[in-house]
Amino acid sequence: MNKLITRRNLIIANFAIVSYFVLIWLIDFYEIDFVLIGVFRELLTIPFLFAQIIFLVIDVKFLIKNQKNFLIIISVLLLAICSIITIGTFF
């Protein structure tokens, strides 16, 4: 399991999750309405919401145990901000 949780994999996962939610926001902002985009949006939003919380916990544990790196700290901060904004929209 430790071989899967590397600095590079965490950074890629964090930026992928943040990019997905930024893309969803851009689609809503520019009011792009295609059926295929809607299908993928409905299929991927809930798994990305769960992944957002899970990876935030994994990242905090990783930062506590391992050496800090500028890029991973930035990716964790972006993920935390994205999580706060995303979960905050429910309330």
C-alpha atoms as a PDB file:
ATOM      1  CA  MET A   1       0.000   0.000   0.000  1.00  0.00           C
ATOM      2  CA  ASN A   2       2.869   2.392   0.724  1.00  0.00           C
ATOM      3  CA  LYS A   3       4.189   2.002  -2.811  1.00  0.00           C
ATOM      4  CA  LEU A   4       0.909   3.386  -4.145  1.00  0.00           C
ATOM      5  CA  ILE A   5       0.981   6.413  -1.877  1.00  0.00           C
ATOM      6  CA  THR A   6       3.903   8.353  -3.265  1.00  0.00           C
ATOM      7  CA  ARG A   7       4.369  12.085  -3.454  1.00  0.00           C
ATOM      8  CA  ARG A   8       3.909  12.086  -7.218  1.00  0.00           C
ATOM      9  CA  ASN A   9       0.680  10.051  -7.121  1.00  0.00           C
ATOM     10  CA  LEU A  10      -0.815  12.269  -4.433  1.00  0.00           C
ATOM     11  CA  ILE A  11       0.014  15.439  -6.348  1.00  0.00           C
ATOM     12  CA  ILE A  12      -1.545  14.053  -9.537  1.00  0.00           C
ATOM     13  CA  ALA A  13      -4.693  12.929  -7.704  1.00  0.00           C
ATOM     14  CA  ASN A  14      -5.061  16.265  -5.910  1.00  0.00           C
ATOM     15  CA  PHE A  15      -4.711  18.309  -9.073  1.00  0.00           C
ATOM     16  CA  ALA A  16      -7.092  15.980 -10.946  1.00  0.00           C
ATOM     17  CA  ILE A  17      -9.797  16.409  -8.299  1.00  0.00           C
ATOM     18  CA  VAL A  18      -9.369  20.180  -8.139  1.00  0.00           C
ATOM     19  CA  SER A  19      -9.348  20.387 -11.947  1.00  0.00           C
ATOM     20  CA  TYR A  20     -12.585  18.415 -12.163  1.00  0.00           C
ATOM     21  CA  PHE A  21     -14.429  20.778  -9.839  1.00  0.00           C
ATOM     22  CA  VAL A  22     -12.985  23.858 -11.558  1.00  0.00           C
ATOM     23  CA  LEU A  23     -14.145  22.414 -14.875  1.00  0.00           C
ATOM     24  CA  ILE A  24     -17.633  21.819 -13.443  1.00  0.00           C
ATOM     25  CA  TRP A  25     -17.705  25.423 -12.221  1.00  0.00           C
ATOM     26  CA  LEU A  26     -16.613  26.714 -15.644  1.00  0.00           C
ATOM     27  CA  ILE A  27     -19.302  24.656 -17.361  1.00  0.00           C
ATOM     28  CA  ASP A  28     -21.920  26.190 -15.061  1.00  0.00           C
ATOM     29  CA  PHE A  29     -20.492  29.705 -15.389  1.00  0.00           C
ATOM     30  CA  TYR A  30     -20.524  29.662 -19.194  1.00  0.00           C
ATOM     31  CA  GLU A  31     -23.813  27.724 -19.241  1.00  0.00           C
ATOM     32  CA  ILE A  32     -22.537  24.983 -21.536  1.00  0.00           C
ATOM     33  CA  ASP A  33     -25.315  22.453 -21.951  1.00  0.00           C
ATOM     34  CA  PHE A  34     -24.497  19.293 -23.878  1.00  0.00           C
ATOM     35  CA  VAL A  35     -26.031  15.922 -23.103  1.00  0.00           C
ATOM     36  CA  LEU A  36     -22.718  14.063 -23.059  1.00  0.00           C
ATOM     37  CA  ILE A  37     -21.186  16.571 -20.640  1.00  0.00           C
ATOM     38  CA  GLY A  38     -24.233  16.209 -18.390  1.00  0.00           C
ATOM     39  CA  VAL A  39     -23.928  12.422 -18.405  1.00  0.00           C
ATOM     40  CA  PHE A  40     -20.267  12.497 -17.385  1.00  0.00           C
ATOM     41  CA  ARG A  41     -20.994  15.162 -14.801  1.00  0.00           C
ATOM     42  CA  GLU A  42     -23.691  13.041 -13.177  1.00  0.00           C
ATOM     43  CA  LEU A  43     -21.542   9.902 -13.242  1.00  0.00           C
ATOM     44  CA  LEU A  44     -18.382  11.458 -11.830  1.00  0.00           C
ATOM     45  CA  THR A  45     -19.488  14.062  -9.291  1.00  0.00           C
ATOM     46  CA  ILE A  46     -20.280  11.769  -6.344  1.00  0.00           C
ATOM     47  CA  PRO A  47     -17.098   9.647  -6.707  1.00  0.00           C
ATOM     48  CA  PHE A  48     -15.029  12.840  -6.917  1.00  0.00           C
ATOM     49  CA  LEU A  49     -16.754  14.202  -3.799  1.00  0.00           C
ATOM     50  CA  PHE A  50     -15.813  11.080  -1.861  1.00  0.00           C
ATOM     51  CA  ALA A  51     -12.304  11.087  -3.328  1.00  0.00           C
ATOM     52  CA  GLN A  52     -11.903  14.697  -2.288  1.00  0.00           C
ATOM     53  CA  ILE A  53     -12.466  13.902   1.378  1.00  0.00           C
ATOM     54  CA  ILE A  54     -10.508  10.643   1.320  1.00  0.00           C
ATOM     55  CA  PHE A  55      -7.474  12.185  -0.373  1.00  0.00           C
ATOM     56  CA  LEU A  56      -7.536  15.125   1.996  1.00  0.00           C
ATOM     57  CA  VAL A  57      -7.211  12.715   4.938  1.00  0.00           C
ATOM     58  CA  ILE A  58      -4.492  10.707   3.164  1.00  0.00           C
ATOM     59  CA  ASP A  59      -2.603  13.902   2.317  1.00  0.00           C
ATOM     60  CA  VAL A  60      -2.630  15.168   5.891  1.00  0.00           C
ATOM     61  CA  LYS A  61      -1.318  11.809   7.139  1.00  0.00           C
ATOM     62  CA  PHE A  62       1.344  11.843   4.406  1.00  0.00           C
ATOM     63  CA  LEU A  63       2.443  15.363   5.315  1.00  0.00           C
ATOM     64  CA  ILE A  64       2.725  14.470   8.993  1.00  0.00           C
ATOM     65  CA  LYS A  65       4.838  11.356   8.348  1.00  0.00           C
ATOM     66  CA  ASN A  66       7.038  12.469   5.441  1.00  0.00           C
ATOM     67  CA  GLN A  67       9.223  15.336   4.376  1.00  0.00           C
ATOM     68  CA  LYS A  68       7.350  18.407   3.223  1.00  0.00           C
ATOM     69  CA  ASN A  69       7.598  19.457  -0.401  1.00  0.00           C
ATOM     70  CA  PHE A  70       6.417  22.772  -1.845  1.00  0.00           C
ATOM     71  CA  LEU A  71       4.342  21.181  -4.604  1.00  0.00           C
ATOM     72  CA  ILE A  72       2.525  18.745  -2.329  1.00  0.00           C
ATOM     73  CA  ILE A  73       1.760  21.502   0.182  1.00  0.00           C
ATOM     74  CA  ILE A  74       0.270  23.623  -2.625  1.00  0.00           C
ATOM     75  CA  SER A  75      -1.790  20.690  -3.904  1.00  0.00           C
ATOM     76  CA  VAL A  76      -3.095  19.904  -0.408  1.00  0.00           C
ATOM     77  CA  LEU A  77      -4.023  23.553   0.154  1.00  0.00           C
ATOM     78  CA  LEU A  78      -5.845  23.699  -3.183  1.00  0.00           C
ATOM     79  CA  LEU A  79      -7.677  20.479  -2.344  1.00  0.00           C
ATOM     80  CA  ALA A  80      -8.642  21.798   1.086  1.00  0.00           C
ATOM     81  CA  ILE A  81      -9.947  25.063  -0.375  1.00  0.00           C
ATOM     82  CA  CYS A  82     -11.844  23.146  -3.051  1.00  0.00           C
ATOM     83  CA  SER A  83     -13.311  20.841  -0.395  1.00  0.00           C
ATOM     84  CA  ILE A  84     -14.462  23.752   1.752  1.00  0.00           C
ATOM     85  CA  ILE A  85     -16.106  25.464  -1.209  1.00  0.00           C
ATOM     86  CA  THR A  86     -17.686  22.268  -2.537  1.00  0.00           C
ATOM     87  CA  ILE A  87     -19.037  21.043   0.785  1.00  0.00           C
ATOM     88  CA  GLY A  88     -20.044  24.591   1.697  1.00  0.00           C
ATOM     89  CA  THR A  89     -22.402  24.734  -1.266  1.00  0.00           C
ATOM     90  CA  PHE A  90     -24.573  22.079   0.391  1.00  0.00           C
ATOM     91  CA  PHE A  91     -25.389  24.308   3.372  1.00  0.00           C
END
